[in-house]
Amino acid sequence: PLARSGPALVTLELAATVWTLAAIAALEAGHDGWGLGV
């Protein structure tokens, strides 16, 4: 199962991490956070 679904999960995790980091940067810059919690 990990061989079949692992690549998709890794890709989704990397995308979520980039989104989280961008949201943190936006929040620290005084913006609304870009859905940080989501």
Full PDB file with SEQRES, HELIX, SHEET, SSBOND, CRYST1, ORIGX, SCALE, CONECT and MASTER records, all heavy atoms in Angstrom:
SEQRES   1 A   38  PRO LEU ALA ARG SER GLY PRO ALA LEU VAL THR LEU GLU          
SEQRES   2 A   38  LEU ALA ALA THR VAL TRP THR LEU ALA ALA ILE ALA ALA          
SEQRES   3 A   38  LEU GLU ALA GLY HIS ASP GLY TRP GLY LEU GLY VAL              
HELIX    1 AA1 LEU A    2  GLU A   28  1                                  27    
CRYST1    1.000    1.000    1.000  90.00  90.00  90.00 P 1           1          
ORIGX1      1.000000  0.000000  0.000000        0.00000                         
ORIGX2      0.000000  1.000000  0.000000        0.00000                         
ORIGX3      0.000000  0.000000  1.000000        0.00000                         
SCALE1      1.000000  0.000000  0.000000        0.00000                         
SCALE2      0.000000  1.000000  0.000000        0.00000                         
SCALE3      0.000000  0.000000  1.000000        0.00000                         
ATOM      1  N   PRO A   1       0.818  -1.225   0.000  1.00  0.00           N  
ATOM      2  CA  PRO A   1       0.000   0.000   0.000  1.00  0.00           C  
ATOM      3  C   PRO A   1       0.849   1.271   0.000  1.00  0.00           C  
ATOM      4  O   PRO A   1       0.495   2.251  -0.654  1.00  0.00           O  
ATOM      5  CB  PRO A   1      -0.809  -0.144   1.297  1.00  0.00           C  
ATOM      6  CG  PRO A   1      -0.915  -1.616   1.512  1.00  0.00           C  
ATOM      7  CD  PRO A   1       0.392  -2.178   1.050  1.00  0.00           C  
ATOM      8  N   LEU A   2       1.976   1.249   0.705  1.00  0.00           N  
ATOM      9  CA  LEU A   2       2.830   2.427   0.750  1.00  0.00           C  
ATOM     10  C   LEU A   2       3.454   2.714  -0.610  1.00  0.00           C  
ATOM     11  O   LEU A   2       3.622   3.873  -0.993  1.00  0.00           O  
ATOM     12  CB  LEU A   2       3.924   2.253   1.801  1.00  0.00           C  
ATOM     13  CG  LEU A   2       4.817   3.475   2.039  1.00  0.00           C  
ATOM     14  CD1 LEU A   2       4.002   4.658   2.533  1.00  0.00           C  
ATOM     15  CD2 LEU A   2       5.926   3.146   3.032  1.00  0.00           C  
ATOM     16  N   ALA A   3       3.806   1.673  -1.355  1.00  0.00           N  
ATOM     17  CA  ALA A   3       4.380   1.868  -2.684  1.00  0.00           C  
ATOM     18  C   ALA A   3       3.365   2.486  -3.628  1.00  0.00           C  
ATOM     19  O   ALA A   3       3.711   3.305  -4.489  1.00  0.00           O  
ATOM     20  CB  ALA A   3       4.882   0.539  -3.238  1.00  0.00           C  
ATOM     21  N   ARG A   4       2.104   2.100  -3.467  1.00  0.00           N  
ATOM     22  CA  ARG A   4       1.070   2.603  -4.370  1.00  0.00           C  
ATOM     23  C   ARG A   4       0.612   4.014  -4.002  1.00  0.00           C  
ATOM     24  O   ARG A   4       0.460   4.869  -4.870  1.00  0.00           O  
ATOM     25  CB  ARG A   4      -0.126   1.648  -4.363  1.00  0.00           C  
ATOM     26  CG  ARG A   4       0.185   0.256  -4.907  1.00  0.00           C  
ATOM     27  CD  ARG A   4      -1.097  -0.498  -5.222  1.00  0.00           C  
ATOM     28  NE  ARG A   4      -1.948  -0.635  -4.040  1.00  0.00           N  
ATOM     29  CZ  ARG A   4      -1.906  -1.676  -3.212  1.00  0.00           C  
ATOM     30  NH1 ARG A   4      -1.042  -2.649  -3.420  1.00  0.00           N  
ATOM     31  NH2 ARG A   4      -2.713  -1.738  -2.181  1.00  0.00           N  
ATOM     32  N   SER A   5       0.382   4.262  -2.714  1.00  0.00           N  
ATOM     33  CA  SER A   5      -0.178   5.560  -2.309  1.00  0.00           C  
ATOM     34  C   SER A   5       0.865   6.517  -1.744  1.00  0.00           C  
ATOM     35  O   SER A   5       0.597   7.715  -1.605  1.00  0.00           O  
ATOM     36  CB  SER A   5      -1.277   5.341  -1.264  1.00  0.00           C  
ATOM     37  OG  SER A   5      -0.749   4.707  -0.102  1.00  0.00           O  
ATOM     38  N   GLY A   6       2.050   6.014  -1.432  1.00  0.00           N  
ATOM     39  CA  GLY A   6       3.078   6.856  -0.835  1.00  0.00           C  
ATOM     40  C   GLY A   6       3.445   8.080  -1.659  1.00  0.00           C  
ATOM     41  O   GLY A   6       3.518   9.191  -1.117  1.00  0.00           O  
ATOM     42  N   PRO A   7       3.709   7.936  -2.972  1.00  0.00           N  
ATOM     43  CA  PRO A   7       4.070   9.119  -3.759  1.00  0.00           C  
ATOM     44  C   PRO A   7       3.020  10.220  -3.714  1.00  0.00           C  
ATOM     45  O   PRO A   7       3.353  11.404  -3.616  1.00  0.00           O  
ATOM     46  CB  PRO A   7       4.234   8.550  -5.175  1.00  0.00           C  
ATOM     47  CG  PRO A   7       4.628   7.125  -4.958  1.00  0.00           C  
ATOM     48  CD  PRO A   7       3.848   6.691  -3.746  1.00  0.00           C  
ATOM     49  N   ALA A   8       1.737   9.853  -3.791  1.00  0.00           N  
ATOM     50  CA  ALA A   8       0.677  10.862  -3.726  1.00  0.00           C  
ATOM     51  C   ALA A   8       0.651  11.536  -2.358  1.00  0.00           C  
ATOM     52  O   ALA A   8       0.462  12.762  -2.257  1.00  0.00           O  
ATOM     53  CB  ALA A   8      -0.673  10.215  -4.024  1.00  0.00           C  
ATOM     54  N   LEU A   9       0.846  10.754  -1.293  1.00  0.00           N  
ATOM     55  CA  LEU A   9       0.846  11.325   0.047  1.00  0.00           C  
ATOM     56  C   LEU A   9       2.043  12.246   0.260  1.00  0.00           C  
ATOM     57  O   LEU A   9       1.914  13.311   0.880  1.00  0.00           O  
ATOM     58  CB  LEU A   9       0.846  10.208   1.095  1.00  0.00           C  
ATOM     59  CG  LEU A   9      -0.445   9.387   1.191  1.00  0.00           C  
ATOM     60  CD1 LEU A   9      -0.255   8.200   2.126  1.00  0.00           C  
ATOM     61  CD2 LEU A   9      -1.600  10.262   1.678  1.00  0.00           C  
ATOM     62  N   VAL A  10       3.205  11.849  -0.252  1.00  0.00           N  
ATOM     63  CA  VAL A  10       4.391  12.704  -0.136  1.00  0.00           C  
ATOM     64  C   VAL A  10       4.170  14.015  -0.887  1.00  0.00           C  
ATOM     65  O   VAL A  10       4.484  15.102  -0.376  1.00  0.00           O  
ATOM     66  CB  VAL A  10       5.641  11.977  -0.677  1.00  0.00           C  
ATOM     67  CG1 VAL A  10       6.809  12.955  -0.794  1.00  0.00           C  
ATOM     68  CG2 VAL A  10       6.021  10.819   0.244  1.00  0.00           C  
ATOM     69  N   THR A  11       3.622  13.925  -2.091  1.00  0.00           N  
ATOM     70  CA  THR A  11       3.345  15.134  -2.879  1.00  0.00           C  
ATOM     71  C   THR A  11       2.362  16.050  -2.165  1.00  0.00           C  
ATOM     72  O   THR A  11       2.556  17.273  -2.096  1.00  0.00           O  
ATOM     73  CB  THR A  11       2.784  14.751  -4.258  1.00  0.00           C  
ATOM     74  OG1 THR A  11       3.721  13.930  -4.947  1.00  0.00           O  
ATOM     75  CG2 THR A  11       2.499  15.990  -5.092  1.00  0.00           C  
ATOM     76  N   LEU A  12       1.314  15.460  -1.603  1.00  0.00           N  
ATOM     77  CA  LEU A  12       0.315  16.252  -0.882  1.00  0.00           C  
ATOM     78  C   LEU A  12       0.922  16.881   0.368  1.00  0.00           C  
ATOM     79  O   LEU A  12       0.627  18.042   0.695  1.00  0.00           O  
ATOM     80  CB  LEU A  12      -0.869  15.354  -0.506  1.00  0.00           C  
ATOM     81  CG  LEU A  12      -2.089  16.042   0.132  1.00  0.00           C  
ATOM     82  CD1 LEU A  12      -2.622  17.135  -0.777  1.00  0.00           C  
ATOM     83  CD2 LEU A  12      -3.178  15.012   0.430  1.00  0.00           C  
ATOM     84  N   GLU A  13       1.789  16.137   1.056  1.00  0.00           N  
ATOM     85  CA  GLU A  13       2.434  16.668   2.251  1.00  0.00           C  
ATOM     86  C   GLU A  13       3.355  17.841   1.909  1.00  0.00           C  
ATOM     87  O   GLU A  13       3.381  18.853   2.616  1.00  0.00           O  
ATOM     88  CB  GLU A  13       3.224  15.568   2.956  1.00  0.00           C  
ATOM     89  CG  GLU A  13       3.977  16.015   4.201  1.00  0.00           C  
ATOM     90  CD  GLU A  13       3.047  16.472   5.321  1.00  0.00           C  
ATOM     91  OE1 GLU A  13       1.840  16.158   5.281  1.00  0.00           O  
ATOM     92  OE2 GLU A  13       3.544  17.140   6.247  1.00  0.00           O  
ATOM     93  N   LEU A  14       4.105  17.711   0.822  1.00  0.00           N  
ATOM     94  CA  LEU A  14       4.978  18.808   0.411  1.00  0.00           C  
ATOM     95  C   LEU A  14       4.162  20.039   0.024  1.00  0.00           C  
ATOM     96  O   LEU A  14       4.530  21.179   0.375  1.00  0.00           O  
ATOM     97  CB  LEU A  14       5.849  18.361  -0.769  1.00  0.00           C  
ATOM     98  CG  LEU A  14       6.920  17.319  -0.437  1.00  0.00           C  
ATOM     99  CD1 LEU A  14       7.598  16.834  -1.719  1.00  0.00           C  
ATOM    100  CD2 LEU A  14       7.960  17.887   0.529  1.00  0.00           C  
ATOM    101  N   ALA A  15       3.041  19.832  -0.664  1.00  0.00           N  
ATOM    102  CA  ALA A  15       2.184  20.953  -1.037  1.00  0.00           C  
ATOM    103  C   ALA A  15       1.593  21.628   0.199  1.00  0.00           C  
ATOM    104  O   ALA A  15       1.548  22.868   0.290  1.00  0.00           O  
ATOM    105  CB  ALA A  15       1.064  20.464  -1.964  1.00  0.00           C  
ATOM    106  N   ALA A  16       1.143  20.815   1.169  1.00  0.00           N  
ATOM    107  CA  ALA A  16       0.589  21.370   2.402  1.00  0.00           C  
ATOM    108  C   ALA A  16       1.647  22.128   3.196  1.00  0.00           C  
ATOM    109  O   ALA A  16       1.365  23.157   3.823  1.00  0.00           O  
ATOM    110  CB  ALA A  16      -0.008  20.248   3.258  1.00  0.00           C  
ATOM    111  N   THR A  17       2.890  21.622   3.158  1.00  0.00           N  
ATOM    112  CA  THR A  17       3.981  22.289   3.865  1.00  0.00           C  
ATOM    113  C   THR A  17       4.293  23.642   3.229  1.00  0.00           C  
ATOM    114  O   THR A  17       4.479  24.646   3.933  1.00  0.00           O  
ATOM    115  CB  THR A  17       5.241  21.403   3.853  1.00  0.00           C  
ATOM    116  OG1 THR A  17       4.951  20.189   4.555  1.00  0.00           O  
ATOM    117  CG2 THR A  17       6.415  22.100   4.529  1.00  0.00           C  
ATOM    118  N   VAL A  18       4.343  23.684   1.896  1.00  0.00           N  
ATOM    119  CA  VAL A  18       4.578  24.956   1.199  1.00  0.00           C  
ATOM    120  C   VAL A  18       3.453  25.944   1.515  1.00  0.00           C  
ATOM    121  O   VAL A  18       3.705  27.133   1.776  1.00  0.00           O  
ATOM    122  CB  VAL A  18       4.688  24.723  -0.320  1.00  0.00           C  
ATOM    123  CG1 VAL A  18       4.702  26.052  -1.071  1.00  0.00           C  
ATOM    124  CG2 VAL A  18       5.944  23.930  -0.642  1.00  0.00           C  
ATOM    125  N   TRP A  19       2.230  25.457   1.485  1.00  0.00           N  
ATOM    126  CA  TRP A  19       1.078  26.318   1.809  1.00  0.00           C  
ATOM    127  C   TRP A  19       1.195  26.840   3.241  1.00  0.00           C  
ATOM    128  O   TRP A  19       0.989  28.032   3.495  1.00  0.00           O  
ATOM    129  CB  TRP A  19      -0.208  25.523   1.619  1.00  0.00           C  
ATOM    130  CG  TRP A  19      -1.482  26.286   1.891  1.00  0.00           C  
ATOM    131  CD1 TRP A  19      -1.611  27.628   2.136  1.00  0.00           C  
ATOM    132  CD2 TRP A  19      -2.800  25.745   1.956  1.00  0.00           C  
ATOM    133  NE1 TRP A  19      -2.933  27.960   2.342  1.00  0.00           N  
ATOM    134  CE2 TRP A  19      -3.683  26.819   2.236  1.00  0.00           C  
ATOM    135  CE3 TRP A  19      -3.325  24.456   1.795  1.00  0.00           C  
ATOM    136  CZ2 TRP A  19      -5.059  26.634   2.360  1.00  0.00           C  
ATOM    137  CZ3 TRP A  19      -4.687  24.283   1.927  1.00  0.00           C  
ATOM    138  CH2 TRP A  19      -5.550  25.361   2.203  1.00  0.00           C  
ATOM    139  N   THR A  20       1.545  25.972   4.182  1.00  0.00           N  
ATOM    140  CA  THR A  20       1.677  26.386   5.578  1.00  0.00           C  
ATOM    141  C   THR A  20       2.765  27.444   5.740  1.00  0.00           C  
ATOM    142  O   THR A  20       2.563  28.460   6.423  1.00  0.00           O  
ATOM    143  CB  THR A  20       2.004  25.168   6.466  1.00  0.00           C  
ATOM    144  OG1 THR A  20       0.955  24.200   6.359  1.00  0.00           O  
ATOM    145  CG2 THR A  20       2.152  25.580   7.926  1.00  0.00           C  
ATOM    146  N   LEU A  21       3.906  27.223   5.109  1.00  0.00           N  
ATOM    147  CA  LEU A  21       4.999  28.191   5.219  1.00  0.00           C  
ATOM    148  C   LEU A  21       4.619  29.532   4.594  1.00  0.00           C  
ATOM    149  O   LEU A  21       4.944  30.605   5.135  1.00  0.00           O  
ATOM    150  CB  LEU A  21       6.252  27.635   4.552  1.00  0.00           C  
ATOM    151  CG  LEU A  21       6.873  26.408   5.227  1.00  0.00           C  
ATOM    152  CD1 LEU A  21       8.042  25.879   4.401  1.00  0.00           C  
ATOM    153  CD2 LEU A  21       7.343  26.744   6.648  1.00  0.00           C  
ATOM    154  N   ALA A  22       3.914  29.484   3.457  1.00  0.00           N  
ATOM    155  CA  ALA A  22       3.468  30.720   2.818  1.00  0.00           C  
ATOM    156  C   ALA A  22       2.456  31.448   3.697  1.00  0.00           C  
ATOM    157  O   ALA A  22       2.482  32.690   3.807  1.00  0.00           O  
ATOM    158  CB  ALA A  22       2.856  30.409   1.451  1.00  0.00           C  
ATOM    159  N   ALA A  23       1.570  30.693   4.340  1.00  0.00           N  
ATOM    160  CA  ALA A  23       0.571  31.295   5.223  1.00  0.00           C  
ATOM    161  C   ALA A  23       1.226  31.938   6.441  1.00  0.00           C  
ATOM    162  O   ALA A  23       0.817  33.015   6.888  1.00  0.00           O  
ATOM    163  CB  ALA A  23      -0.441  30.238   5.650  1.00  0.00           C  
ATOM    164  N   ILE A  24       2.251  31.283   6.989  1.00  0.00           N  
ATOM    165  CA  ILE A  24       2.969  31.851   8.130  1.00  0.00           C  
ATOM    166  C   ILE A  24       3.649  33.156   7.714  1.00  0.00           C  
ATOM    167  O   ILE A  24       3.599  34.165   8.439  1.00  0.00           O  
ATOM    168  CB  ILE A  24       4.001  30.851   8.671  1.00  0.00           C  
ATOM    169  CG1 ILE A  24       3.301  29.653   9.308  1.00  0.00           C  
ATOM    170  CG2 ILE A  24       4.925  31.522   9.696  1.00  0.00           C  
ATOM    171  CD1 ILE A  24       4.238  28.530   9.705  1.00  0.00           C  
ATOM    172  N   ALA A  25       4.281  33.156   6.542  1.00  0.00           N  
ATOM    173  CA  ALA A  25       4.950  34.364   6.048  1.00  0.00           C  
ATOM    174  C   ALA A  25       3.936  35.490   5.842  1.00  0.00           C  
ATOM    175  O   ALA A  25       4.209  36.652   6.176  1.00  0.00           O  
ATOM    176  CB  ALA A  25       5.680  34.059   4.746  1.00  0.00           C  
ATOM    177  N   ALA A  26       2.770  35.145   5.307  1.00  0.00           N  
ATOM    178  CA  ALA A  26       1.732  36.154   5.096  1.00  0.00           C  
ATOM    179  C   ALA A  26       1.247  36.721   6.424  1.00  0.00           C  
ATOM    180  O   ALA A  26       1.045  37.937   6.564  1.00  0.00           O  
ATOM    181  CB  ALA A  26       0.564  35.539   4.320  1.00  0.00           C  
ATOM    182  N   LEU A  27       1.064  35.838   7.399  1.00  0.00           N  
ATOM    183  CA  LEU A  27       0.603  36.280   8.717  1.00  0.00           C  
ATOM    184  C   LEU A  27       1.618  37.212   9.359  1.00  0.00           C  
ATOM    185  O   LEU A  27       1.257  38.257   9.928  1.00  0.00           O  
ATOM    186  CB  LEU A  27       0.361  35.058   9.608  1.00  0.00           C  
ATOM    187  CG  LEU A  27      -0.276  35.318  10.978  1.00  0.00           C  
ATOM    188  CD1 LEU A  27      -1.686  35.861  10.814  1.00  0.00           C  
ATOM    189  CD2 LEU A  27      -0.292  34.027  11.802  1.00  0.00           C  
ATOM    190  N   GLU A  28       2.895  36.865   9.260  1.00  0.00           N  
ATOM    191  CA  GLU A  28       3.933  37.693   9.862  1.00  0.00           C  
ATOM    192  C   GLU A  28       4.095  39.021   9.129  1.00  0.00           C  
ATOM    193  O   GLU A  28       4.593  39.997   9.710  1.00  0.00           O  
ATOM    194  CB  GLU A  28       5.257  36.932   9.873  1.00  0.00           C  
ATOM    195  CG  GLU A  28       5.259  35.735  10.826  1.00  0.00           C  
ATOM    196  CD  GLU A  28       6.556  34.969  10.817  1.00  0.00           C  
ATOM    197  OE1 GLU A  28       7.380  35.193   9.903  1.00  0.00           O  
ATOM    198  OE2 GLU A  28       6.749  34.133  11.733  1.00  0.00           O  
ATOM    199  N   ALA A  29       3.658  39.054   7.871  1.00  0.00           N  
ATOM    200  CA  ALA A  29       3.728  40.297   7.100  1.00  0.00           C  
ATOM    201  C   ALA A  29       2.498  41.176   7.305  1.00  0.00           C  
ATOM    202  O   ALA A  29       2.380  42.240   6.697  1.00  0.00           O  
ATOM    203  CB  ALA A  29       3.884  39.982   5.613  1.00  0.00           C  
ATOM    204  N   GLY A  30       1.582  40.713   8.152  1.00  0.00           N  
ATOM    205  CA  GLY A  30       0.413  41.511   8.470  1.00  0.00           C  
ATOM    206  C   GLY A  30      -0.823  41.208   7.660  1.00  0.00           C  
ATOM    207  O   GLY A  30      -1.820  41.925   7.741  1.00  0.00           O  
ATOM    208  N   HIS A  31      -0.777  40.118   6.872  1.00  0.00           N  
ATOM    209  CA  HIS A  31      -1.947  39.732   6.084  1.00  0.00           C  
ATOM    210  C   HIS A  31      -2.827  38.782   6.895  1.00  0.00           C  
ATOM    211  O   HIS A  31      -2.572  38.521   8.070  1.00  0.00           O  
ATOM    212  CB  HIS A  31      -1.493  39.104   4.768  1.00  0.00           C  
ATOM    213  CG  HIS A  31      -0.656  40.031   3.931  1.00  0.00           C  
ATOM    214  ND1 HIS A  31      -1.143  41.201   3.403  1.00  0.00           N  
ATOM    215  CD2 HIS A  31       0.657  39.955   3.552  1.00  0.00           C  
ATOM    216  CE1 HIS A  31      -0.189  41.808   2.720  1.00  0.00           C  
ATOM    217  NE2 HIS A  31       0.918  41.084   2.802  1.00  0.00           N  
ATOM    218  N   ASP A  32      -3.860  38.216   6.248  1.00  0.00           N  
ATOM    219  CA  ASP A  32      -4.850  37.441   7.003  1.00  0.00           C  
ATOM    220  C   ASP A  32      -4.459  35.995   7.263  1.00  0.00           C  
ATOM    221  O   ASP A  32      -5.190  35.262   7.902  1.00  0.00           O  
ATOM    222  CB  ASP A  32      -6.207  37.479   6.285  1.00  0.00           C  
ATOM    223  CG  ASP A  32      -6.172  36.817   4.914  1.00  0.00           C  
ATOM    224  OD1 ASP A  32      -5.090  36.338   4.520  1.00  0.00           O  
ATOM    225  OD2 ASP A  32      -7.218  36.784   4.250  1.00  0.00           O  
ATOM    226  N   GLY A  33      -3.320  35.552   6.775  1.00  0.00           N  
ATOM    227  CA  GLY A  33      -2.862  34.202   7.084  1.00  0.00           C  
ATOM    228  C   GLY A  33      -3.110  33.167   6.019  1.00  0.00           C  
ATOM    229  O   GLY A  33      -2.598  32.050   6.086  1.00  0.00           O  
ATOM    230  N   TRP A  34      -3.908  33.508   4.978  1.00  0.00           N  
ATOM    231  CA  TRP A  34      -4.103  32.616   3.832  1.00  0.00           C  
ATOM    232  C   TRP A  34      -4.528  31.195   4.238  1.00  0.00           C  
ATOM    233  O   TRP A  34      -4.044  30.211   3.719  1.00  0.00           O  
ATOM    234  CB  TRP A  34      -2.819  32.528   3.012  1.00  0.00           C  
ATOM    235  CG  TRP A  34      -2.395  33.821   2.379  1.00  0.00           C  
ATOM    236  CD1 TRP A  34      -3.067  35.023   2.412  1.00  0.00           C  
ATOM    237  CD2 TRP A  34      -1.216  34.048   1.613  1.00  0.00           C  
ATOM    238  NE1 TRP A  34      -2.373  35.970   1.733  1.00  0.00           N  
ATOM    239  CE2 TRP A  34      -1.226  35.416   1.216  1.00  0.00           C  
ATOM    240  CE3 TRP A  34      -0.149  33.254   1.227  1.00  0.00           C  
ATOM    241  CZ2 TRP A  34      -0.221  35.992   0.458  1.00  0.00           C  
ATOM    242  CZ3 TRP A  34       0.861  33.817   0.470  1.00  0.00           C  
ATOM    243  CH2 TRP A  34       0.820  35.155   0.084  1.00  0.00           C  
ATOM    244  N   GLY A  35      -5.448  31.100   5.161  1.00  0.00           N  
ATOM    245  CA  GLY A  35      -5.939  29.774   5.551  1.00  0.00           C  
ATOM    246  C   GLY A  35      -4.916  28.945   6.286  1.00  0.00           C  
ATOM    247  O   GLY A  35      -4.814  27.729   6.074  1.00  0.00           O  
ATOM    248  N   LEU A  36      -4.170  29.578   7.174  1.00  0.00           N  
ATOM    249  CA  LEU A  36      -3.109  28.888   7.917  1.00  0.00           C  
ATOM    250  C   LEU A  36      -3.613  27.637   8.611  1.00  0.00           C  
ATOM    251  O   LEU A  36      -2.987  26.574   8.548  1.00  0.00           O  
ATOM    252  CB  LEU A  36      -2.500  29.848   8.949  1.00  0.00           C  
ATOM    253  CG  LEU A  36      -1.534  29.239   9.981  1.00  0.00           C  
ATOM    254  CD1 LEU A  36      -0.310  28.674   9.287  1.00  0.00           C  
ATOM    255  CD2 LEU A  36      -1.149  30.283  11.014  1.00  0.00           C  
ATOM    256  N   GLY A  37      -4.755  27.747   9.287  1.00  0.00           N  
ATOM    257  CA  GLY A  37      -5.275  26.602  10.027  1.00  0.00           C  
ATOM    258  C   GLY A  37      -5.626  25.433   9.135  1.00  0.00           C  
ATOM    259  O   GLY A  37      -5.347  24.277   9.464  1.00  0.00           O  
ATOM    260  N   VAL A  38      -6.218  25.720   7.976  1.00  0.00           N  
ATOM    261  CA  VAL A  38      -6.568  24.657   7.031  1.00  0.00           C  
ATOM    262  C   VAL A  38      -5.306  23.973   6.517  1.00  0.00           C  
ATOM    263  O   VAL A  38      -5.211  22.741   6.447  1.00  0.00           O  
ATOM    264  CB  VAL A  38      -7.388  25.215   5.863  1.00  0.00           C  
ATOM    265  CG1 VAL A  38      -7.690  24.115   4.844  1.00  0.00           C  
ATOM    266  CG2 VAL A  38      -8.679  25.845   6.362  1.00  0.00           C  
TER     267      VAL A  38                                                      
MASTER        0    0    0    1    0    0    0    6  266    1    0    3          
END                                                                             
